[in-house]
C-alpha atoms as a PDB file:
ATOM      1  CA  MET A   1      -8.162  -3.315  -6.187  1.00  0.00           C
ATOM      2  CA  LEU A   2      -6.967  -3.323  -2.540  1.00  0.00           C
ATOM      3  CA  GLU A   3      -3.323  -2.783  -1.656  1.00  0.00           C
ATOM      4  CA  VAL A   4      -1.800  -2.702   1.806  1.00  0.00           C
ATOM      5  CA  GLU A   5       1.786  -1.506   1.930  1.00  0.00           C
ATOM      6  CA  ASP A   6       4.151  -1.494   4.917  1.00  0.00           C
ATOM      7  CA  LEU A   7       1.213  -1.132   7.332  1.00  0.00           C
ATOM      8  CA  SER A   8       1.860  -0.959  11.076  1.00  0.00           C
ATOM      9  CA  VAL A   9      -0.615  -0.473  13.936  1.00  0.00           C
ATOM     10  CA  ALA A  10       0.204   0.010  17.606  1.00  0.00           C
ATOM     11  CA  TYR A  11      -2.057  -0.203  20.673  1.00  0.00           C
ATOM     12  CA  ARG A  12      -0.800   1.436  23.880  1.00  0.00           C
ATOM     13  CA  GLY A  13       2.774   1.173  22.743  1.00  0.00           C
ATOM     14  CA  ARG A  14       2.488  -2.455  21.649  1.00  0.00           C
ATOM     15  CA  ILE A  15       2.944  -3.294  17.970  1.00  0.00           C
ATOM     16  CA  ALA A  16      -0.105  -5.255  16.801  1.00  0.00           C
ATOM     17  CA  LEU A  17       0.665  -5.101  13.080  1.00  0.00           C
ATOM     18  CA  ASP A  18       4.223  -4.736  11.859  1.00  0.00           C
ATOM     19  CA  HIS A  19       5.022  -3.598   8.292  1.00  0.00           C
ATOM     20  CA  VAL A  20       2.432  -5.755   6.551  1.00  0.00           C
ATOM     21  CA  THR A  21       2.176  -5.712   2.753  1.00  0.00           C
ATOM     22  CA  LEU A  22      -0.496  -7.600   0.815  1.00  0.00           C
ATOM     23  CA  ASN A  23      -3.024  -7.190  -1.979  1.00  0.00           C
ATOM     24  CA  VAL A  24      -6.362  -8.536  -3.190  1.00  0.00           C
ATOM     25  CA  ARG A  25      -7.463  -8.391  -6.800  1.00  0.00           C
ATOM     26  CA  PRO A  26     -10.984  -8.387  -8.258  1.00  0.00           C
ATOM     27  CA  GLY A  27     -12.493 -11.853  -8.528  1.00  0.00           C
ATOM     28  CA  GLU A  28     -10.290 -13.581  -5.960  1.00  0.00           C
ATOM     29  CA  MET A  29     -10.635 -14.571  -2.323  1.00  0.00           C
ATOM     30  CA  VAL A  30      -7.458 -14.166  -0.297  1.00  0.00           C
ATOM     31  CA  ALA A  31      -7.159 -15.741   3.151  1.00  0.00           C
ATOM     32  CA  VAL A  32      -5.342 -14.258   6.142  1.00  0.00           C
ATOM     33  CA  LEU A  33      -4.436 -16.955   8.657  1.00  0.00           C
ATOM     34  CA  GLY A  34      -2.634 -17.047  11.967  1.00  0.00           C
ATOM     35  CA  ALA A  35      -2.858 -17.883  15.641  1.00  0.00           C
ATOM     36  CA  ASN A  36      -4.976 -15.851  18.051  1.00  0.00           C
ATOM     37  CA  GLY A  37      -3.343 -12.476  18.613  1.00  0.00           C
ATOM     38  CA  ALA A  38      -1.380 -12.605  15.360  1.00  0.00           C
ATOM     39  CA  GLY A  39      -2.925  -9.327  14.147  1.00  0.00           C
ATOM     40  CA  LYS A  40      -5.589 -10.614  11.752  1.00  0.00           C
ATOM     41  CA  SER A  41      -8.542  -8.614  13.090  1.00  0.00           C
ATOM     42  CA  THR A  42      -6.331  -5.551  13.526  1.00  0.00           C
ATOM     43  CA  LEU A  43      -5.482  -5.756   9.828  1.00  0.00           C
ATOM     44  CA  LEU A  44      -9.143  -5.622   8.821  1.00  0.00           C
ATOM     45  CA  ARG A  45      -9.864  -2.820  11.283  1.00  0.00           C
ATOM     46  CA  ALA A  46      -6.991  -0.770   9.869  1.00  0.00           C
ATOM     47  CA  VAL A  47      -8.164  -1.294   6.285  1.00  0.00           C
ATOM     48  CA  SER A  48     -11.727  -0.253   7.140  1.00  0.00           C
ATOM     49  CA  GLY A  49     -10.647   2.811   9.140  1.00  0.00           C
ATOM     50  CA  LEU A  50     -11.539   1.449  12.585  1.00  0.00           C
ATOM     51  CA  ALA A  51      -7.904   1.367  13.717  1.00  0.00           C
ATOM     52  CA  ASP A  52      -5.334   4.095  13.086  1.00  0.00           C
ATOM     53  CA  ALA A  53      -2.269   3.190  11.068  1.00  0.00           C
ATOM     54  CA  HIS A  54       1.051   4.023  12.706  1.00  0.00           C
ATOM     55  CA  THR A  55       2.927   3.726   9.419  1.00  0.00           C
ATOM     56  CA  GLY A  56       2.158   2.510   5.920  1.00  0.00           C
ATOM     57  CA  ASP A  57      -0.539   2.925   3.345  1.00  0.00           C
ATOM     58  CA  VAL A  58      -3.864   1.364   2.323  1.00  0.00           C
ATOM     59  CA  ARG A  59      -5.026   1.964  -1.256  1.00  0.00           C
ATOM     60  CA  HIS A  60      -8.362   1.190  -2.853  1.00  0.00           C
ATOM     61  CA  ARG A  61      -8.521   1.414  -6.626  1.00  0.00           C
ATOM     62  CA  GLY A  62      -5.219   3.257  -6.530  1.00  0.00           C
ATOM     63  CA  GLU A  63      -6.327   5.961  -4.070  1.00  0.00           C
ATOM     64  CA  THR A  64      -5.019   6.196  -0.528  1.00  0.00           C
ATOM     65  CA  ILE A  65      -7.744   5.573   2.068  1.00  0.00           C
ATOM     66  CA  THR A  66      -5.504   5.231   5.120  1.00  0.00           C
ATOM     67  CA  SER A  67      -6.733   8.389   6.841  1.00  0.00           C
ATOM     68  CA  MET A  68     -10.357   8.250   5.682  1.00  0.00           C
ATOM     69  CA  ARG A  69     -13.233   7.913   8.124  1.00  0.00           C
ATOM     70  CA  PRO A  70     -14.936   4.493   8.145  1.00  0.00           C
ATOM     71  CA  HIS A  71     -18.191   5.725   6.579  1.00  0.00           C
ATOM     72  CA  ARG A  72     -16.290   7.232   3.647  1.00  0.00           C
ATOM     73  CA  ILE A  73     -14.419   3.970   3.119  1.00  0.00           C
ATOM     74  CA  VAL A  74     -17.741   2.095   3.010  1.00  0.00           C
ATOM     75  CA  ARG A  75     -19.107   4.552   0.458  1.00  0.00           C
ATOM     76  CA  ARG A  76     -16.038   3.988  -1.702  1.00  0.00           C
ATOM     77  CA  GLY A  77     -16.863   0.286  -1.867  1.00  0.00           C
ATOM     78  CA  VAL A  78     -15.040  -1.415   1.017  1.00  0.00           C
ATOM     79  CA  ALA A  79     -17.340  -3.326   3.395  1.00  0.00           C
ATOM     80  CA  HIS A  80     -16.221  -4.882   6.688  1.00  0.00           C
ATOM     81  CA  VAL A  81     -18.149  -7.808   8.194  1.00  0.00           C
ATOM     82  CA  PRO A  82     -16.785  -8.101  11.765  1.00  0.00           C
ATOM     83  CA  SER A  83     -16.753 -11.281  13.817  1.00  0.00           C
ATOM     84  CA  GLY A  84     -19.686 -12.154  16.045  1.00  0.00           C
ATOM     85  CA  ARG A  85     -22.486 -11.414  13.505  1.00  0.00           C
ATOM     86  CA  ARG A  86     -23.796  -8.445  15.556  1.00  0.00           C
ATOM     87  CA  LEU A  87     -27.366  -8.721  14.326  1.00  0.00           C
ATOM     88  CA  PHE A  88     -30.437  -7.046  15.784  1.00  0.00           C
ATOM     89  CA  VAL A  89     -32.040 -10.307  16.829  1.00  0.00           C
ATOM     90  CA  ASP A  90     -35.424  -8.745  17.642  1.00  0.00           C
ATOM     91  CA  GLN A  91     -35.754  -7.291  14.132  1.00  0.00           C
ATOM     92  CA  THR A  92     -36.572  -9.069  10.887  1.00  0.00           C
ATOM     93  CA  VAL A  93     -34.021 -10.396   8.466  1.00  0.00           C
ATOM     94  CA  GLU A  94     -34.949  -7.698   5.967  1.00  0.00           C
ATOM     95  CA  ALA A  95     -34.661  -4.927   8.558  1.00  0.00           C
ATOM     96  CA  ASN A  96     -31.148  -6.150   9.395  1.00  0.00           C
ATOM     97  CA  LEU A  97     -30.207  -6.181   5.735  1.00  0.00           C
ATOM     98  CA  LEU A  98     -31.482  -2.666   5.131  1.00  0.00           C
ATOM     99  CA  ILE A  99     -29.196  -1.389   7.888  1.00  0.00           C
ATOM    100  CA  GLY A 100     -26.338  -2.269   5.541  1.00  0.00           C
ATOM    101  CA  ALA A 101     -27.733   0.210   3.010  1.00  0.00           C
ATOM    102  CA  HIS A 102     -28.031   3.069   5.512  1.00  0.00           C
ATOM    103  CA  GLY A 103     -27.554   6.439   3.833  1.00  0.00           C
ATOM    104  CA  ARG A 104     -28.204   5.154   0.319  1.00  0.00           C
ATOM    105  CA  PRO A 105     -31.266   6.214  -1.702  1.00  0.00           C
ATOM    106  CA  ARG A 106     -34.292   3.981  -1.209  1.00  0.00           C
ATOM    107  CA  SER A 107     -34.223   2.850  -4.836  1.00  0.00           C
ATOM    108  CA  ALA A 108     -30.566   1.838  -4.516  1.00  0.00           C
ATOM    109  CA  ALA A 109     -31.269  -0.026  -1.280  1.00  0.00           C
ATOM    110  CA  ARG A 110     -34.122  -1.917  -2.917  1.00  0.00           C
ATOM    111  CA  HIS A 111     -31.893  -2.805  -5.859  1.00  0.00           C
ATOM    112  CA  SER A 112     -29.234  -4.123  -3.473  1.00  0.00           C
ATOM    113  CA  LEU A 113     -31.851  -6.084  -1.538  1.00  0.00           C
ATOM    114  CA  ASP A 114     -33.132  -7.727  -4.704  1.00  0.00           C
ATOM    115  CA  GLY A 115     -29.560  -8.663  -5.612  1.00  0.00           C
ATOM    116  CA  VAL A 116     -28.924 -10.187  -2.188  1.00  0.00           C
ATOM    117  CA  TYR A 117     -32.126 -12.212  -2.368  1.00  0.00           C
ATOM    118  CA  GLU A 118     -31.207 -13.472  -5.821  1.00  0.00           C
ATOM    119  CA  ARG A 119     -27.752 -14.477  -4.617  1.00  0.00           C
ATOM    120  CA  LEU A 120     -28.932 -15.950  -1.283  1.00  0.00           C
ATOM    121  CA  PRO A 121     -32.538 -17.121  -1.796  1.00  0.00           C
ATOM    122  CA  VAL A 122     -32.786 -18.645   1.686  1.00  0.00           C
ATOM    123  CA  LEU A 123     -32.771 -15.102   3.083  1.00  0.00           C
ATOM    124  CA  GLN A 124     -35.684 -14.111   0.883  1.00  0.00           C
ATOM    125  CA  GLN A 125     -37.597 -17.066   2.256  1.00  0.00           C
ATOM    126  CA  ARG A 126     -36.872 -15.879   5.809  1.00  0.00           C
ATOM    127  CA  ARG A 127     -37.123 -12.128   5.119  1.00  0.00           C
ATOM    128  CA  ASP A 128     -40.030 -11.550   7.569  1.00  0.00           C
ATOM    129  CA  ASP A 129     -38.651 -13.776  10.337  1.00  0.00           C
ATOM    130  CA  LEU A 130     -36.836 -12.352  13.332  1.00  0.00           C
ATOM    131  CA  ALA A 131     -33.086 -12.660  12.934  1.00  0.00           C
ATOM    132  CA  GLY A 132     -32.881 -14.302  16.346  1.00  0.00           C
ATOM    133  CA  SER A 133     -35.030 -17.210  15.149  1.00  0.00           C
ATOM    134  CA  LEU A 134     -32.527 -18.234  12.458  1.00  0.00           C
ATOM    135  CA  SER A 135     -29.918 -20.945  12.761  1.00  0.00           C
ATOM    136  CA  GLY A 136     -26.309 -19.948  13.359  1.00  0.00           C
ATOM    137  CA  GLY A 137     -25.431 -20.495   9.720  1.00  0.00           C
ATOM    138  CA  GLN A 138     -28.376 -18.445   8.507  1.00  0.00           C
ATOM    139  CA  GLN A 139     -27.500 -15.637  10.921  1.00  0.00           C
ATOM    140  CA  GLN A 140     -23.982 -15.593   9.516  1.00  0.00           C
ATOM    141  CA  LEU A 141     -25.422 -15.368   6.015  1.00  0.00           C
ATOM    142  CA  VAL A 142     -27.432 -12.330   7.131  1.00  0.00           C
ATOM    143  CA  ALA A 143     -24.251 -10.717   8.461  1.00  0.00           C
ATOM    144  CA  VAL A 144     -22.453 -11.339   5.158  1.00  0.00           C
ATOM    145  CA  ALA A 145     -25.457 -10.158   3.136  1.00  0.00           C
ATOM    146  CA  ARG A 146     -25.698  -6.988   5.205  1.00  0.00           C
ATOM    147  CA  GLY A 147     -22.132  -6.229   4.124  1.00  0.00           C
ATOM    148  CA  LEU A 148     -23.152  -6.785   0.507  1.00  0.00           C
ATOM    149  CA  MET A 149     -25.981  -4.247   0.807  1.00  0.00           C
ATOM    150  CA  SER A 150     -23.524  -1.401   0.172  1.00  0.00           C
ATOM    151  CA  GLU A 151     -22.575  -3.148  -3.106  1.00  0.00           C
ATOM    152  CA  PRO A 152     -18.853  -3.227  -2.272  1.00  0.00           C
ATOM    153  CA  ASP A 153     -16.103  -4.187  -4.645  1.00  0.00           C
ATOM    154  CA  VAL A 154     -13.972  -5.222  -1.634  1.00  0.00           C
ATOM    155  CA  LEU A 155     -15.421  -7.384   1.142  1.00  0.00           C
ATOM    156  CA  LEU A 156     -13.520  -7.865   4.421  1.00  0.00           C
ATOM    157  CA  LEU A 157     -14.673 -10.776   6.592  1.00  0.00           C
ATOM    158  CA  ASP A 158     -13.531 -11.611  10.114  1.00  0.00           C
ATOM    159  CA  GLU A 159     -14.015 -15.256  11.161  1.00  0.00           C
ATOM    160  CA  PRO A 160     -17.297 -15.934   9.301  1.00  0.00           C
ATOM    161  CA  SER A 161     -17.192 -19.635  10.257  1.00  0.00           C
ATOM    162  CA  PHE A 162     -16.750 -19.023  13.997  1.00  0.00           C
ATOM    163  CA  GLY A 163     -19.082 -21.140  16.132  1.00  0.00           C
ATOM    164  CA  LEU A 164     -20.569 -23.038  13.189  1.00  0.00           C
ATOM    165  CA  ALA A 165     -20.703 -26.774  12.629  1.00  0.00           C
ATOM    166  CA  PRO A 166     -18.199 -27.954  10.000  1.00  0.00           C
ATOM    167  CA  THR A 167     -20.828 -28.473   7.292  1.00  0.00           C
ATOM    168  CA  LEU A 168     -22.281 -24.994   7.841  1.00  0.00           C
ATOM    169  CA  ALA A 169     -18.822 -23.443   7.959  1.00  0.00           C
ATOM    170  CA  GLU A 170     -17.959 -25.030   4.629  1.00  0.00           C
ATOM    171  CA  ARG A 171     -21.181 -23.751   3.102  1.00  0.00           C
ATOM    172  CA  ILE A 172     -20.454 -20.193   4.245  1.00  0.00           C
ATOM    173  CA  ILE A 173     -16.888 -20.219   2.899  1.00  0.00           C
ATOM    174  CA  ALA A 174     -18.064 -21.767  -0.374  1.00  0.00           C
ATOM    175  CA  ASP A 175     -20.687 -19.008  -0.738  1.00  0.00           C
ATOM    176  CA  LEU A 176     -17.957 -16.413  -0.219  1.00  0.00           C
ATOM    177  CA  ALA A 177     -15.875 -18.025  -2.945  1.00  0.00           C
ATOM    178  CA  VAL A 178     -18.844 -17.700  -5.308  1.00  0.00           C
ATOM    179  CA  ILE A 179     -19.222 -14.026  -4.365  1.00  0.00           C
ATOM    180  CA  ALA A 180     -15.527 -13.530  -5.145  1.00  0.00           C
ATOM    181  CA  SER A 181     -15.772 -15.320  -8.482  1.00  0.00           C
ATOM    182  CA  ALA A 182     -18.494 -12.846  -9.520  1.00  0.00           C
ATOM    183  CA  GLY A 183     -15.932 -10.027  -9.318  1.00  0.00           C
ATOM    184  CA  THR A 184     -15.744  -8.918  -5.675  1.00  0.00           C
ATOM    185  CA  ALA A 185     -12.317  -8.859  -4.027  1.00  0.00           C
ATOM    186  CA  VAL A 186     -12.687 -10.847  -0.780  1.00  0.00           C
ATOM    187  CA  LEU A 187     -10.189 -10.649   2.088  1.00  0.00           C
ATOM    188  CA  LEU A 188     -11.009 -13.471   4.493  1.00  0.00           C
ATOM    189  CA  VAL A 189      -9.672 -13.767   8.036  1.00  0.00           C
ATOM    190  CA  GLU A 190     -10.185 -17.337   9.244  1.00  0.00           C
ATOM    191  CA  GLN A 191      -9.206 -19.711  12.037  1.00  0.00           C
ATOM    192  CA  ALA A 192     -10.422 -22.707  10.004  1.00  0.00           C
ATOM    193  CA  ALA A 193      -7.201 -22.716   8.018  1.00  0.00           C
ATOM    194  CA  GLU A 194      -7.666 -25.801   5.856  1.00  0.00           C
ATOM    195  CA  LEU A 195     -11.183 -24.740   4.914  1.00  0.00           C
ATOM    196  CA  ALA A 196     -10.022 -21.242   3.979  1.00  0.00           C
ATOM    197  CA  LEU A 197      -7.143 -22.628   1.920  1.00  0.00           C
ATOM    198  CA  GLU A 198      -9.490 -24.975   0.060  1.00  0.00           C
ATOM    199  CA  PHE A 199     -11.583 -22.127  -1.328  1.00  0.00           C
ATOM    200  CA  SER A 200      -9.116 -19.232  -1.509  1.00  0.00           C
ATOM    201  CA  SER A 201      -6.808 -18.255  -4.364  1.00  0.00           C
ATOM    202  CA  ARG A 202      -3.901 -17.090  -2.225  1.00  0.00           C
ATOM    203  CA  ALA A 203      -3.117 -16.805   1.466  1.00  0.00           C
ATOM    204  CA  TYR A 204      -0.958 -14.909   3.920  1.00  0.00           C
ATOM    205  CA  VAL A 205       0.022 -16.235   7.352  1.00  0.00           C
ATOM    206  CA  LEU A 206       0.490 -13.642  10.090  1.00  0.00           C
ATOM    207  CA  GLN A 207       2.780 -14.317  13.029  1.00  0.00           C
ATOM    208  CA  ASN A 208       3.385 -11.782  15.783  1.00  0.00           C
ATOM    209  CA  GLY A 209       1.954  -9.048  13.567  1.00  0.00           C
ATOM    210  CA  ARG A 210       4.152  -9.837  10.564  1.00  0.00           C
ATOM    211  CA  ILE A 211       3.647 -11.877   7.421  1.00  0.00           C
ATOM    212  CA  ALA A 212       5.590 -15.087   7.999  1.00  0.00           C
ATOM    213  CA  LEU A 213       4.419 -17.006   4.939  1.00  0.00           C
ATOM    214  CA  GLN A 214       2.506 -16.292   1.747  1.00  0.00           C
ATOM    215  CA  GLY A 215       1.667 -18.054  -1.465  1.00  0.00           C
ATOM    216  CA  VAL A 216      -0.830 -19.952  -3.567  1.00  0.00           C
ATOM    217  CA  ALA A 217      -3.443 -21.343  -1.163  1.00  0.00           C
ATOM    218  CA  GLY A 218      -3.324 -24.878  -2.526  1.00  0.00           C
ATOM    219  CA  GLU A 219       0.411 -25.124  -1.814  1.00  0.00           C
ATOM    220  CA  LEU A 220       0.492 -23.674   1.689  1.00  0.00           C
ATOM    221  CA  SER A 221      -1.054 -26.452   3.765  1.00  0.00           C
ATOM    222  CA  GLY A 222       1.610 -28.963   2.778  1.00  0.00           C
ATOM    223  CA  HIS A 223       4.503 -26.578   3.277  1.00  0.00           C
ATOM    224  CA  PRO A 224       6.851 -27.573   6.148  1.00  0.00           C
ATOM    225  CA  GLU A 225       6.842 -24.039   7.574  1.00  0.00           C
ATOM    226  CA  PHE A 226       3.058 -23.661   7.558  1.00  0.00           C
ATOM    227  CA  THR A 227       2.201 -25.389  10.831  1.00  0.00           C
ATOM    228  CA  ALA A 228       4.860 -23.521  12.820  1.00  0.00           C
ATOM    229  CA  ALA A 229       3.862 -20.171  11.334  1.00  0.00           C
ATOM    230  CA  TYR A 230       0.129 -20.749  11.682  1.00  0.00           C
ATOM    231  CA  MET A 231       0.330 -21.989  15.257  1.00  0.00           C
ATOM    232  CA  GLY A 232       2.741 -19.205  16.206  1.00  0.00           C
ATOM    233  CA  LEU A 233       5.383 -21.663  17.367  1.00  0.00           C
ATOM    234  CA  ALA A 234       8.427 -19.656  16.336  1.00  0.00           C
ATOM    235  CA  THR A 235      10.145 -17.745  19.115  1.00  0.00           C
ATOM    236  CA  THR A 236       9.509 -14.049  19.547  1.00  0.00           C
ATOM    237  CA  GLN A 237      12.987 -13.483  21.009  1.00  0.00           C
ATOM    238  CA  GLU A 238      14.555 -12.811  17.621  1.00  0.00           C
ATOM    239  CA  PRO A 239      13.414 -10.462  14.826  1.00  0.00           C
ATOM    240  CA  PRO A 240      11.044 -12.264  12.429  1.00  0.00           C
ATOM    241  CA  ALA A 241      12.560 -13.369   9.142  1.00  0.00           C
ATOM    242  CA  PRO A 242      11.298 -11.926   5.847  1.00  0.00           C
ATOM    243  CA  PRO A 243       8.139 -13.679   4.596  1.00  0.00           C
ATOM    244  CA  HIS A 244       8.717 -16.904   2.696  1.00  0.00           C
ATOM    245  CA  ARG A 245       7.210 -16.943  -0.792  1.00  0.00           C
ATOM    246  CA  LEU A 246       6.268 -20.342  -2.099  1.00  0.00           C
ATOM    247  CA  THR A 247       6.198 -19.716  -5.838  1.00  0.00           C
ATOM    248  CA  ALA A 248       7.177 -17.128  -8.388  1.00  0.00           C
ATOM    249  CA  THR A 249       3.476 -16.554  -9.093  1.00  0.00           C
ATOM    250  CA  ASN A 250       2.951 -14.910  -5.707  1.00  0.00           C
ATOM    251  CA  HIS A 251       2.254 -11.211  -5.485  1.00  0.00           C
ATOM    252  CA  PRO A 252       3.534  -8.896  -2.736  1.00  0.00           C
END
């Protein structure tokens, strides 16, 4: 569904993403973990066309999208939910959701809205309320649902649990796992590593812009190399080693 191959991104001469290869298949949620500055957000921005790739390739359903404009990538079925929610707090929940269907026919937007309300009934209950009056968890649900309004088959999420209480964060990540199980390919960037690993199928750990570790999510947290890779403890003085694969069931 989504394939990233040998992808590199540079900002002002500094390598932010260095030859990253990963994939996400329909029906699974894949976590991308790492310390601050590891390149996680840059990865999502490059996939969604918001950051230019220096080298490498991004493919969606087998077609290269690396050089496509962001709006074309959205229309193909790849939706990016950035960190920070970015809602219009003085507009209603429904108005915020409809922004996610911008450019689609009214009938299609209404169909998407009905689907979102069926999937997340709490938003239907709050549809006429101002987004700014919602709790932090509900606002994050609106941000996720706005991404779903384009009916994507790939959903990219950047730190959806940021700033939420642990119980709310768990609810959000669990909802995303349900969305994935219904057939959407979900690529989840998260700082709450253990929570992401609990609900994800597979995971990649970025360190200094490179994949340092990858494998089945349930096996990563207990791996002796996980803490060092996740916290970015390894030295940057030497070239990073090739990524460690935990099991033969892993995919590149």
